[in-house]
Amino acid sequence: MKQMREFVLTLVVVLMSSSFLFQATGEAAVKNDEIMMRSPDEEPIGTRTHKFTDRDGEVTVTVEWLRRPGEFAVAIDYYGYLTQEGMANCYLSINGISRDFITLKEETPARHQRIRILSFHPSLAGKSGRGLRPLGPGELVDYLLFRNAPYYPQFGRFEIEMKFFANGRWDGDGNNSDNNYKIAFDCPLDMPAQDHF
């Protein structure tokens, strides 16, 4: 009788935990679907990409000019020797505004590390009104980093400077004496400045 009671209790615990696991997986799937949804303001209307390749690996930088006037997204994909140290950190400067310590947030199965930095937090319309879109695993919002970045071509070039570090080791551009990675993008927008208000 005691063995039967233990068997029934074990069965109940297993069924409850599998039901909880199924429910948690379903909730995670819903959250991932929400994250994959993009706000219309996030639609890129212009993109520039550059890949740095040296003896230590590769770094890809993508800048997106977004539909919302004056807003940007910058994606950095890192695959260098610092990946063996864990998640790398990045010194980043955009048109003179710098961040000394940004940790890359997402690691792909191929050990590439990635971060996507948005200049604003996008919102989505839902059943109960408008709310902030949940950020993806590799996304970060930095309102001030893009303060000097030119949205229209008549205001100059979009300049990026960066270097990676982890555990006291630095990784710079091997094609430029291991100095900072530097790139300047011309604006891809061909429309004149508009009054958006």
N, C-alpha and C. Protein backbone atom coordinates (compact mmCIF):
# COMPACT_ATOMS: atom_id res chain seq x y z
N MET A 1 0.81 -1.19 0.00
CA MET A 1 0.00 0.00 0.00
C MET A 1 0.86 1.27 0.00
N LYS A 2 1.95 1.24 0.80
CA LYS A 2 2.84 2.38 0.88
C LYS A 2 3.52 2.61 -0.47
N GLN A 3 3.92 1.52 -1.14
CA GLN A 3 4.56 1.65 -2.45
C GLN A 3 3.59 2.22 -3.48
N MET A 4 2.35 1.81 -3.39
CA MET A 4 1.33 2.32 -4.31
C MET A 4 1.14 3.83 -4.12
N ARG A 5 1.10 4.27 -2.85
CA ARG A 5 0.93 5.69 -2.55
C ARG A 5 2.13 6.49 -3.09
N GLU A 6 3.34 5.98 -2.91
CA GLU A 6 4.54 6.66 -3.42
C GLU A 6 4.51 6.71 -4.95
N PHE A 7 4.05 5.64 -5.57
CA PHE A 7 3.96 5.62 -7.03
C PHE A 7 2.97 6.68 -7.52
N VAL A 8 1.81 6.79 -6.89
CA VAL A 8 0.79 7.76 -7.27
C VAL A 8 1.32 9.18 -7.06
N LEU A 9 1.98 9.44 -5.92
CA LEU A 9 2.54 10.76 -5.67
C LEU A 9 3.61 11.12 -6.71
N THR A 10 4.46 10.16 -7.05
CA THR A 10 5.49 10.39 -8.07
C THR A 10 4.84 10.70 -9.41
N LEU A 11 3.80 9.95 -9.76
CA LEU A 11 3.10 10.18 -11.02
C LEU A 11 2.47 11.57 -11.05
N VAL A 12 1.86 12.00 -9.96
CA VAL A 12 1.24 13.32 -9.89
C VAL A 12 2.30 14.42 -10.06
N VAL A 13 3.44 14.25 -9.38
CA VAL A 13 4.51 15.24 -9.48
C VAL A 13 5.03 15.32 -10.91
N VAL A 14 5.22 14.18 -11.56
CA VAL A 14 5.71 14.17 -12.94
C VAL A 14 4.72 14.84 -13.88
N LEU A 15 3.43 14.54 -13.73
CA LEU A 15 2.41 15.16 -14.58
C LEU A 15 2.33 16.66 -14.36
N MET A 16 2.41 17.10 -13.11
CA MET A 16 2.35 18.54 -12.83
C MET A 16 3.57 19.25 -13.40
N SER A 17 4.75 18.67 -13.26
CA SER A 17 5.96 19.34 -13.77
C SER A 17 5.95 19.37 -15.29
N SER A 18 5.46 18.29 -15.95
CA SER A 18 5.41 18.32 -17.41
C SER A 18 4.38 19.34 -17.89
N SER A 19 3.27 19.47 -17.16
CA SER A 19 2.28 20.49 -17.52
C SER A 19 2.86 21.89 -17.35
N PHE A 20 3.62 22.12 -16.27
CA PHE A 20 4.28 23.41 -16.05
C PHE A 20 5.30 23.68 -17.15
N LEU A 21 6.07 22.66 -17.52
CA LEU A 21 7.08 22.81 -18.57
C LEU A 21 6.42 23.17 -19.89
N PHE A 22 5.30 22.51 -20.23
CA PHE A 22 4.59 22.81 -21.47
C PHE A 22 4.07 24.25 -21.45
N GLN A 23 3.52 24.66 -20.30
CA GLN A 23 2.99 26.02 -20.20
C GLN A 23 4.11 27.05 -20.33
N ALA A 24 5.27 26.80 -19.67
CA ALA A 24 6.39 27.75 -19.75
C ALA A 24 6.92 27.82 -21.17
N THR A 25 6.99 26.70 -21.87
CA THR A 25 7.46 26.70 -23.25
C THR A 25 6.50 27.50 -24.13
N GLY A 26 5.20 27.33 -23.91
CA GLY A 26 4.22 28.09 -24.68
C GLY A 26 4.35 29.58 -24.44
N GLU A 27 4.57 29.99 -23.17
CA GLU A 27 4.74 31.41 -22.87
C GLU A 27 6.00 31.96 -23.52
N ALA A 28 7.08 31.15 -23.50
CA ALA A 28 8.33 31.60 -24.13
C ALA A 28 8.13 31.78 -25.63
N ALA A 29 7.35 30.86 -26.23
CA ALA A 29 7.10 30.99 -27.66
C ALA A 29 6.33 32.27 -27.97
N VAL A 30 5.39 32.62 -27.10
CA VAL A 30 4.63 33.85 -27.31
C VAL A 30 5.57 35.05 -27.20
N LYS A 31 6.43 35.06 -26.18
CA LYS A 31 7.36 36.19 -26.02
C LYS A 31 8.28 36.30 -27.22
N ASN A 32 8.79 35.18 -27.75
CA ASN A 32 9.65 35.24 -28.92
C ASN A 32 8.91 35.79 -30.12
N ASP A 33 7.63 35.42 -30.27
CA ASP A 33 6.84 35.96 -31.38
C ASP A 33 6.69 37.47 -31.23
N GLU A 34 6.47 37.92 -29.98
CA GLU A 34 6.33 39.36 -29.76
C GLU A 34 7.63 40.08 -30.11
N ILE A 35 8.76 39.46 -29.72
CA ILE A 35 10.06 40.10 -29.98
C ILE A 35 10.31 40.16 -31.48
N MET A 36 9.89 39.15 -32.22
CA MET A 36 10.13 39.13 -33.65
C MET A 36 9.28 40.18 -34.37
N MET A 37 8.17 40.61 -33.76
CA MET A 37 7.36 41.66 -34.37
C MET A 37 8.13 42.97 -34.30
N ARG A 38 8.07 43.74 -35.34
CA ARG A 38 8.78 45.00 -35.37
C ARG A 38 7.79 46.14 -35.52
N SER A 39 8.10 47.22 -34.89
CA SER A 39 7.31 48.43 -35.02
C SER A 39 7.53 49.02 -36.41
N PRO A 40 6.52 49.66 -37.01
CA PRO A 40 6.73 50.31 -38.31
C PRO A 40 7.83 51.38 -38.26
N ASP A 41 8.02 51.99 -37.08
CA ASP A 41 9.09 52.98 -36.92
C ASP A 41 10.48 52.38 -37.09
N GLU A 42 10.59 51.06 -36.89
CA GLU A 42 11.89 50.37 -36.96
C GLU A 42 12.28 49.95 -38.37
N GLU A 43 11.41 50.14 -39.31
CA GLU A 43 11.71 49.70 -40.68
C GLU A 43 12.92 50.48 -41.21
N PRO A 44 13.97 49.78 -41.65
CA PRO A 44 15.13 50.49 -42.20
C PRO A 44 14.81 51.09 -43.56
N ILE A 45 15.11 52.37 -43.73
CA ILE A 45 14.92 53.01 -45.04
C ILE A 45 16.28 53.24 -45.71
N GLY A 46 17.35 52.90 -45.00
CA GLY A 46 18.70 52.98 -45.55
C GLY A 46 19.63 52.14 -44.70
N THR A 47 20.58 51.44 -45.33
CA THR A 47 21.49 50.57 -44.60
C THR A 47 22.89 50.69 -45.17
N ARG A 48 23.87 50.64 -44.29
CA ARG A 48 25.28 50.58 -44.68
C ARG A 48 25.94 49.50 -43.84
N THR A 49 26.80 48.67 -44.47
CA THR A 49 27.49 47.58 -43.79
C THR A 49 28.96 47.57 -44.18
N HIS A 50 29.81 47.24 -43.21
CA HIS A 50 31.24 47.08 -43.49
C HIS A 50 31.76 45.90 -42.68
N LYS A 51 32.61 45.08 -43.31
CA LYS A 51 33.21 43.94 -42.63
C LYS A 51 34.72 44.15 -42.55
N PHE A 52 35.26 44.12 -41.33
CA PHE A 52 36.70 44.16 -41.09
C PHE A 52 37.18 42.71 -40.98
N THR A 53 38.18 42.33 -41.74
CA THR A 53 38.74 40.99 -41.65
C THR A 53 40.24 41.11 -41.47
N ASP A 54 40.77 40.49 -40.41
CA ASP A 54 42.21 40.48 -40.18
C ASP A 54 42.62 39.09 -39.71
N ARG A 55 43.86 38.94 -39.27
CA ARG A 55 44.37 37.62 -38.88
C ARG A 55 43.67 37.05 -37.65
N ASP A 56 43.01 37.91 -36.86
CA ASP A 56 42.37 37.46 -35.63
C ASP A 56 40.89 37.15 -35.77
N GLY A 57 40.30 37.41 -36.93
CA GLY A 57 38.89 37.13 -37.11
C GLY A 57 38.21 38.21 -37.92
N GLU A 58 36.94 38.44 -37.62
CA GLU A 58 36.19 39.44 -38.37
C GLU A 58 35.19 40.17 -37.49
N VAL A 59 34.95 41.41 -37.88
CA VAL A 59 33.97 42.26 -37.22
C VAL A 59 33.10 42.88 -38.30
N THR A 60 31.79 42.77 -38.14
CA THR A 60 30.86 43.36 -39.10
C THR A 60 30.02 44.43 -38.40
N VAL A 61 29.93 45.59 -39.02
CA VAL A 61 29.15 46.71 -38.48
C VAL A 61 28.06 47.04 -39.49
N THR A 62 26.82 47.12 -39.02
CA THR A 62 25.69 47.49 -39.87
C THR A 62 24.96 48.66 -39.23
N VAL A 63 24.79 49.73 -40.00
CA VAL A 63 24.05 50.90 -39.53
C VAL A 63 22.76 50.98 -40.34
N GLU A 64 21.64 51.13 -39.62
CA GLU A 64 20.34 51.27 -40.26
C GLU A 64 19.76 52.65 -39.95
N TRP A 65 19.36 53.35 -40.98
CA TRP A 65 18.59 54.59 -40.83
C TRP A 65 17.14 54.15 -40.78
N LEU A 66 16.44 54.41 -39.69
CA LEU A 66 15.10 53.88 -39.48
C LEU A 66 14.03 54.85 -39.98
N ARG A 67 12.84 54.30 -40.21
CA ARG A 67 11.73 55.08 -40.73
C ARG A 67 11.39 56.26 -39.82
N ARG A 68 11.47 56.06 -38.51
CA ARG A 68 11.21 57.16 -37.59
C ARG A 68 12.32 58.20 -37.75
N PRO A 69 11.99 59.44 -38.07
CA PRO A 69 13.01 60.45 -38.39
C PRO A 69 14.03 60.65 -37.28
N GLY A 70 15.30 60.64 -37.67
CA GLY A 70 16.38 60.90 -36.73
C GLY A 70 16.82 59.70 -35.92
N GLU A 71 16.26 58.51 -36.18
CA GLU A 71 16.56 57.34 -35.36
C GLU A 71 17.39 56.31 -36.13
N PHE A 72 18.21 55.58 -35.38
CA PHE A 72 19.17 54.63 -35.96
C PHE A 72 19.16 53.31 -35.20
N ALA A 73 19.76 52.30 -35.83
CA ALA A 73 20.12 51.05 -35.17
C ALA A 73 21.51 50.67 -35.68
N VAL A 74 22.37 50.24 -34.77
CA VAL A 74 23.71 49.77 -35.13
C VAL A 74 23.86 48.35 -34.62
N ALA A 75 24.21 47.44 -35.52
CA ALA A 75 24.46 46.05 -35.14
C ALA A 75 25.95 45.76 -35.30
N ILE A 76 26.54 45.15 -34.27
CA ILE A 76 27.95 44.78 -34.30
C ILE A 76 28.03 43.28 -34.12
N ASP A 77 28.66 42.60 -35.08
CA ASP A 77 28.90 41.16 -35.01
C ASP A 77 30.40 40.96 -34.84
N TYR A 78 30.79 40.28 -33.76
CA TYR A 78 32.20 40.10 -33.44
C TYR A 78 32.55 38.61 -33.47
N TYR A 79 33.61 38.30 -34.20
CA TYR A 79 34.13 36.93 -34.20
C TYR A 79 35.65 37.02 -34.23
N GLY A 80 36.22 37.25 -33.05
CA GLY A 80 37.66 37.37 -32.91
C GLY A 80 38.16 36.44 -31.83
N TYR A 81 39.43 36.55 -31.48
CA TYR A 81 40.00 35.62 -30.52
C TYR A 81 39.48 35.82 -29.10
N LEU A 82 38.83 36.94 -28.81
CA LEU A 82 38.29 37.15 -27.47
C LEU A 82 37.04 36.31 -27.20
N THR A 83 36.49 35.66 -28.21
CA THR A 83 35.30 34.82 -27.97
C THR A 83 35.62 33.68 -27.02
N GLN A 84 36.90 33.28 -26.94
CA GLN A 84 37.28 32.22 -26.02
C GLN A 84 37.32 32.72 -24.56
N GLU A 85 37.22 34.02 -24.37
CA GLU A 85 37.24 34.61 -23.02
C GLU A 85 35.82 34.80 -22.47
N GLY A 86 34.82 34.42 -23.22
CA GLY A 86 33.43 34.68 -22.82
C GLY A 86 32.89 35.84 -23.63
N MET A 87 31.87 36.51 -23.11
CA MET A 87 31.27 37.63 -23.83
C MET A 87 32.24 38.82 -23.81
N ALA A 88 32.54 39.32 -25.00
CA ALA A 88 33.48 40.44 -25.13
C ALA A 88 32.80 41.75 -24.79
N ASN A 89 33.60 42.72 -24.43
CA ASN A 89 33.14 44.08 -24.17
C ASN A 89 33.63 44.96 -25.30
N CYS A 90 32.97 46.09 -25.47
CA CYS A 90 33.29 46.96 -26.60
C CYS A 90 33.41 48.40 -26.13
N TYR A 91 34.49 49.05 -26.56
CA TYR A 91 34.58 50.51 -26.49
C TYR A 91 33.97 50.99 -27.80
N LEU A 92 33.03 51.91 -27.74
CA LEU A 92 32.33 52.34 -28.94
C LEU A 92 32.16 53.85 -28.93
N SER A 93 32.43 54.46 -30.08
CA SER A 93 32.21 55.89 -30.24
C SER A 93 31.47 56.12 -31.55
N ILE A 94 30.39 56.91 -31.48
CA ILE A 94 29.63 57.28 -32.67
C ILE A 94 29.61 58.80 -32.76
N ASN A 95 30.29 59.33 -33.77
CA ASN A 95 30.39 60.77 -33.98
C ASN A 95 30.76 61.53 -32.69
N GLY A 96 31.74 60.98 -31.97
CA GLY A 96 32.26 61.66 -30.80
C GLY A 96 31.59 61.34 -29.48
N ILE A 97 30.45 60.66 -29.49
CA ILE A 97 29.79 60.24 -28.25
C ILE A 97 30.26 58.81 -27.98
N SER A 98 30.87 58.57 -26.80
CA SER A 98 31.48 57.26 -26.58
C SER A 98 30.87 56.53 -25.39
N ARG A 99 30.99 55.23 -25.48
CA ARG A 99 30.65 54.31 -24.39
C ARG A 99 31.89 53.45 -24.19
N ASP A 100 32.40 53.44 -22.96
CA ASP A 100 33.64 52.71 -22.68
C ASP A 100 33.41 51.25 -22.35
N PHE A 101 32.18 50.87 -22.07
CA PHE A 101 31.97 49.50 -21.61
C PHE A 101 30.58 49.02 -22.02
N ILE A 102 30.48 48.44 -23.21
CA ILE A 102 29.24 47.80 -23.66
C ILE A 102 29.54 46.32 -23.83
N THR A 103 28.83 45.48 -23.13
CA THR A 103 29.04 44.04 -23.24
C THR A 103 28.15 43.49 -24.33
N LEU A 104 28.74 42.74 -25.26
CA LEU A 104 27.95 42.11 -26.30
C LEU A 104 26.98 41.14 -25.63
N LYS A 105 25.77 41.06 -26.13
CA LYS A 105 24.70 40.41 -25.38
C LYS A 105 24.27 39.05 -25.91
N GLU A 106 24.57 38.73 -27.15
CA GLU A 106 24.03 37.51 -27.74
C GLU A 106 25.15 36.71 -28.39
N GLU A 107 25.12 35.39 -28.19
CA GLU A 107 26.10 34.52 -28.83
C GLU A 107 25.37 33.54 -29.74
N THR A 108 25.79 33.47 -31.01
CA THR A 108 25.15 32.57 -31.96
C THR A 108 25.79 31.19 -31.83
N PRO A 109 25.17 30.16 -32.42
CA PRO A 109 25.75 28.82 -32.33
C PRO A 109 27.17 28.74 -32.90
N ALA A 110 27.53 29.61 -33.82
CA ALA A 110 28.88 29.59 -34.41
C ALA A 110 29.87 30.40 -33.58
N ARG A 111 29.48 30.81 -32.36
CA ARG A 111 30.31 31.57 -31.42
C ARG A 111 30.54 33.01 -31.84
N HIS A 112 29.81 33.47 -32.85
CA HIS A 112 29.83 34.91 -33.14
C HIS A 112 29.07 35.60 -32.01
N GLN A 113 29.54 36.77 -31.63
CA GLN A 113 28.86 37.54 -30.61
C GLN A 113 28.23 38.76 -31.27
N ARG A 114 27.08 39.17 -30.75
CA ARG A 114 26.32 40.20 -31.45
C ARG A 114 25.64 41.13 -30.46
N ILE A 115 25.50 42.38 -30.88
CA ILE A 115 24.67 43.34 -30.16
C ILE A 115 24.02 44.26 -31.19
N ARG A 116 22.79 44.65 -30.93
CA ARG A 116 22.09 45.62 -31.78
C ARG A 116 21.65 46.76 -30.87
N ILE A 117 22.16 47.96 -31.15
CA ILE A 117 21.88 49.11 -30.31
C ILE A 117 20.89 50.02 -31.05
N LEU A 118 19.78 50.31 -30.39
CA LEU A 118 18.74 51.17 -30.95
C LEU A 118 18.81 52.55 -30.32
N SER A 119 18.47 53.57 -31.09
CA SER A 119 18.49 54.93 -30.56
C SER A 119 17.20 55.28 -29.83
N PHE A 120 16.18 54.45 -29.91
CA PHE A 120 14.93 54.68 -29.18
C PHE A 120 14.30 53.33 -28.88
N HIS A 121 13.41 53.32 -27.90
CA HIS A 121 12.72 52.07 -27.56
C HIS A 121 11.42 52.00 -28.35
N PRO A 122 11.32 51.08 -29.32
CA PRO A 122 10.13 51.00 -30.16
C PRO A 122 8.89 50.57 -29.38
N SER A 123 7.75 50.99 -29.86
CA SER A 123 6.49 50.59 -29.24
C SER A 123 5.63 49.85 -30.26
N LEU A 124 4.72 49.06 -29.73
CA LEU A 124 3.79 48.30 -30.56
C LEU A 124 2.37 48.54 -30.08
N ALA A 125 1.42 48.53 -31.00
CA ALA A 125 0.01 48.63 -30.64
C ALA A 125 -0.50 47.24 -30.32
N GLY A 126 -1.13 47.09 -29.17
CA GLY A 126 -1.70 45.81 -28.77
C GLY A 126 -3.17 45.93 -28.49
N LYS A 127 -3.76 44.87 -27.96
CA LYS A 127 -5.20 44.86 -27.68
C LYS A 127 -5.56 45.89 -26.61
N SER A 128 -4.67 46.08 -25.66
CA SER A 128 -4.99 47.00 -24.56
C SER A 128 -4.36 48.38 -24.75
N GLY A 129 -3.86 48.67 -25.93
CA GLY A 129 -3.25 49.98 -26.18
C GLY A 129 -1.83 49.84 -26.69
N ARG A 130 -1.12 50.92 -26.64
CA ARG A 130 0.25 50.96 -27.15
C ARG A 130 1.21 50.73 -25.99
N GLY A 131 2.25 49.91 -26.22
CA GLY A 131 3.24 49.64 -25.18
C GLY A 131 4.60 49.42 -25.79
N LEU A 132 5.62 49.38 -24.96
CA LEU A 132 6.98 49.18 -25.43
C LEU A 132 7.16 47.75 -25.92
N ARG A 133 7.86 47.60 -27.04
CA ARG A 133 8.14 46.27 -27.57
C ARG A 133 9.20 45.61 -26.71
N PRO A 134 9.01 44.34 -26.35
CA PRO A 134 10.07 43.64 -25.61
C PRO A 134 11.34 43.58 -26.46
N LEU A 135 12.47 43.84 -25.84
CA LEU A 135 13.74 43.80 -26.57
C LEU A 135 14.15 42.36 -26.80
N GLY A 136 14.81 42.12 -27.92
CA GLY A 136 15.34 40.80 -28.23
C GLY A 136 16.56 40.50 -27.37
N PRO A 137 17.06 39.26 -27.43
CA PRO A 137 18.18 38.87 -26.56
C PRO A 137 19.46 39.65 -26.81
N GLY A 138 19.66 40.16 -28.01
CA GLY A 138 20.89 40.89 -28.30
C GLY A 138 20.68 42.38 -28.47
N GLU A 139 19.55 42.91 -28.01
CA GLU A 139 19.23 44.32 -28.24
C GLU A 139 19.47 45.17 -27.00
N LEU A 140 19.79 46.43 -27.24
CA LEU A 140 20.05 47.40 -26.19
C LEU A 140 19.56 48.76 -26.70
N VAL A 141 19.02 49.58 -25.80
CA VAL A 141 18.59 50.92 -26.17
C VAL A 141 19.53 51.92 -25.51
N ASP A 142 20.06 52.84 -26.30
CA ASP A 142 20.92 53.91 -25.79
C ASP A 142 20.46 55.21 -26.43
N TYR A 143 19.74 56.01 -25.69
CA TYR A 143 19.12 57.22 -26.22
C TYR A 143 20.14 58.29 -26.60
N LEU A 144 21.26 58.34 -25.88
CA LEU A 144 22.21 59.44 -26.06
C LEU A 144 23.37 59.12 -26.99
N LEU A 145 23.63 57.86 -27.26
CA LEU A 145 24.80 57.48 -28.06
C LEU A 145 24.75 58.08 -29.46
N PHE A 146 23.56 58.26 -30.01
CA PHE A 146 23.40 58.72 -31.39
C PHE A 146 23.14 60.23 -31.47
N ARG A 147 23.38 60.94 -30.38
CA ARG A 147 23.03 62.36 -30.31
C ARG A 147 23.67 63.19 -31.42
N ASN A 148 24.91 62.88 -31.81
CA ASN A 148 25.60 63.65 -32.86
C ASN A 148 25.58 62.97 -34.22
N ALA A 149 24.87 61.85 -34.34
CA ALA A 149 24.86 61.11 -35.60
C ALA A 149 23.99 61.82 -36.63
N PRO A 150 24.52 62.05 -37.84
CA PRO A 150 23.75 62.77 -38.87
C PRO A 150 22.75 61.86 -39.56
N TYR A 151 21.50 62.27 -39.57
CA TYR A 151 20.45 61.48 -40.21
C TYR A 151 20.38 61.76 -41.71
N TYR A 152 20.61 63.01 -42.10
CA TYR A 152 20.55 63.41 -43.51
C TYR A 152 21.95 63.67 -44.04
N PRO A 153 22.17 63.49 -45.35
CA PRO A 153 23.53 63.60 -45.91
C PRO A 153 24.16 64.99 -45.76
N GLN A 154 23.36 66.03 -45.74
CA GLN A 154 23.93 67.37 -45.66
C GLN A 154 24.55 67.68 -44.29
N PHE A 155 24.35 66.78 -43.33
CA PHE A 155 24.89 67.03 -41.99
C PHE A 155 26.18 66.26 -41.72
N GLY A 156 26.73 65.55 -42.71
CA GLY A 156 28.02 64.88 -42.53
C GLY A 156 27.92 63.37 -42.61
N ARG A 157 29.00 62.73 -42.18
CA ARG A 157 29.11 61.27 -42.26
C ARG A 157 28.87 60.64 -40.89
N PHE A 158 28.42 59.38 -40.93
CA PHE A 158 28.18 58.59 -39.72
C PHE A 158 29.49 57.88 -39.39
N GLU A 159 30.19 58.33 -38.33
CA GLU A 159 31.52 57.81 -38.00
C GLU A 159 31.46 56.89 -36.78
N ILE A 160 32.08 55.72 -36.93
CA ILE A 160 32.11 54.73 -35.85
C ILE A 160 33.55 54.38 -35.56
N GLU A 161 33.87 54.28 -34.27
CA GLU A 161 35.18 53.84 -33.82
C GLU A 161 34.95 52.86 -32.68
N MET A 162 35.66 51.71 -32.69
CA MET A 162 35.43 50.71 -31.64
C MET A 162 36.66 49.84 -31.45
N LYS A 163 36.70 49.21 -30.29
CA LYS A 163 37.75 48.24 -29.96
C LYS A 163 37.14 47.29 -28.93
N PHE A 164 37.60 46.04 -28.92
CA PHE A 164 37.01 45.02 -28.06
C PHE A 164 38.01 44.62 -26.98
N PHE A 165 37.49 44.26 -25.81
CA PHE A 165 38.36 43.81 -24.74
C PHE A 165 37.64 42.82 -23.84
N ALA A 166 38.42 41.94 -23.19
CA ALA A 166 37.91 40.98 -22.22
C ALA A 166 39.09 40.48 -21.40
N ASN A 167 38.92 40.43 -20.09
CA ASN A 167 39.94 39.91 -19.18
C ASN A 167 41.32 40.52 -19.41
N GLY A 168 41.37 41.82 -19.59
CA GLY A 168 42.64 42.51 -19.73
C GLY A 168 43.29 42.38 -21.10
N ARG A 169 42.62 41.76 -22.06
CA ARG A 169 43.15 41.60 -23.42
C ARG A 169 42.33 42.46 -24.37
N TRP A 170 43.01 43.07 -25.33
CA TRP A 170 42.37 43.95 -26.30
C TRP A 170 42.43 43.33 -27.69
N ASP A 171 41.43 43.62 -28.50
CA ASP A 171 41.43 43.20 -29.90
C ASP A 171 41.06 44.40 -30.75
N GLY A 172 42.03 44.86 -31.53
CA GLY A 172 41.82 45.99 -32.42
C GLY A 172 41.96 45.56 -33.86
N ASP A 173 41.98 46.51 -34.75
CA ASP A 173 42.06 46.26 -36.19
C ASP A 173 43.48 45.82 -36.55
N GLY A 174 43.65 44.54 -36.85
CA GLY A 174 44.97 44.01 -37.21
C GLY A 174 45.52 44.59 -38.48
N ASN A 175 44.67 45.15 -39.32
CA ASN A 175 45.13 45.80 -40.55
C ASN A 175 45.60 47.23 -40.30
N ASN A 176 45.42 47.71 -39.07
CA ASN A 176 45.78 49.08 -38.74
C ASN A 176 46.57 49.10 -37.42
N SER A 177 47.59 48.24 -37.31
CA SER A 177 48.47 48.16 -36.13
C SER A 177 47.70 47.93 -34.83
N ASP A 178 46.62 47.18 -34.89
CA ASP A 178 45.77 46.89 -33.73
C ASP A 178 45.19 48.14 -33.06
N ASN A 179 45.08 49.23 -33.81
CA ASN A 179 44.39 50.41 -33.30
C ASN A 179 42.89 50.17 -33.36
N ASN A 180 42.12 51.18 -33.04
CA ASN A 180 40.67 51.05 -33.06
C ASN A 180 40.16 50.77 -34.47
N TYR A 181 39.08 49.98 -34.54
CA TYR A 181 38.37 49.83 -35.81
C TYR A 181 37.69 51.16 -36.12
N LYS A 182 37.87 51.68 -37.32
CA LYS A 182 37.26 52.96 -37.69
C LYS A 182 36.60 52.84 -39.05
N ILE A 183 35.41 53.40 -39.16
CA ILE A 183 34.70 53.43 -40.43
C ILE A 183 33.78 54.65 -40.43
N ALA A 184 33.61 55.24 -41.58
CA ALA A 184 32.67 56.36 -41.73
C ALA A 184 31.75 56.04 -42.90
N PHE A 185 30.46 56.13 -42.66
CA PHE A 185 29.46 55.82 -43.68
C PHE A 185 28.84 57.09 -44.22
N ASP A 186 28.64 57.12 -45.53
CA ASP A 186 27.84 58.17 -46.13
C ASP A 186 26.38 57.84 -45.93
N CYS A 187 25.56 58.85 -45.80
CA CYS A 187 24.13 58.64 -45.60
C CYS A 187 23.50 58.08 -46.87
N PRO A 188 22.72 57.00 -46.78
CA PRO A 188 22.10 56.43 -47.97
C PRO A 188 20.80 57.12 -48.37
N LEU A 189 20.31 58.07 -47.58
CA LEU A 189 19.04 58.72 -47.88
C LEU A 189 19.25 59.80 -48.93
N ASP A 190 18.38 59.81 -49.92
CA ASP A 190 18.51 60.81 -50.97
C ASP A 190 17.39 61.86 -50.91
N MET A 191 16.61 61.82 -49.86
CA MET A 191 15.52 62.79 -49.71
C MET A 191 16.04 64.01 -48.95
N PRO A 192 15.50 65.18 -49.21
CA PRO A 192 15.93 66.37 -48.46
C PRO A 192 15.37 66.35 -47.03
N ALA A 193 15.93 67.18 -46.20
CA ALA A 193 15.43 67.30 -44.81
C ALA A 193 13.96 67.73 -44.85
N GLN A 194 13.19 67.17 -43.93
CA GLN A 194 11.76 67.46 -43.90
C GLN A 194 11.39 67.98 -42.52
N ASP A 195 10.32 68.75 -42.47
CA ASP A 195 9.78 69.17 -41.19
C ASP A 195 8.81 68.09 -40.75
N HIS A 196 9.15 67.37 -39.68
CA HIS A 196 8.36 66.22 -39.27
C HIS A 196 7.31 66.56 -38.22
N PHE A 197 7.17 67.84 -37.89
CA PHE A 197 6.26 68.20 -36.82
C PHE A 197 5.09 69.01 -37.32
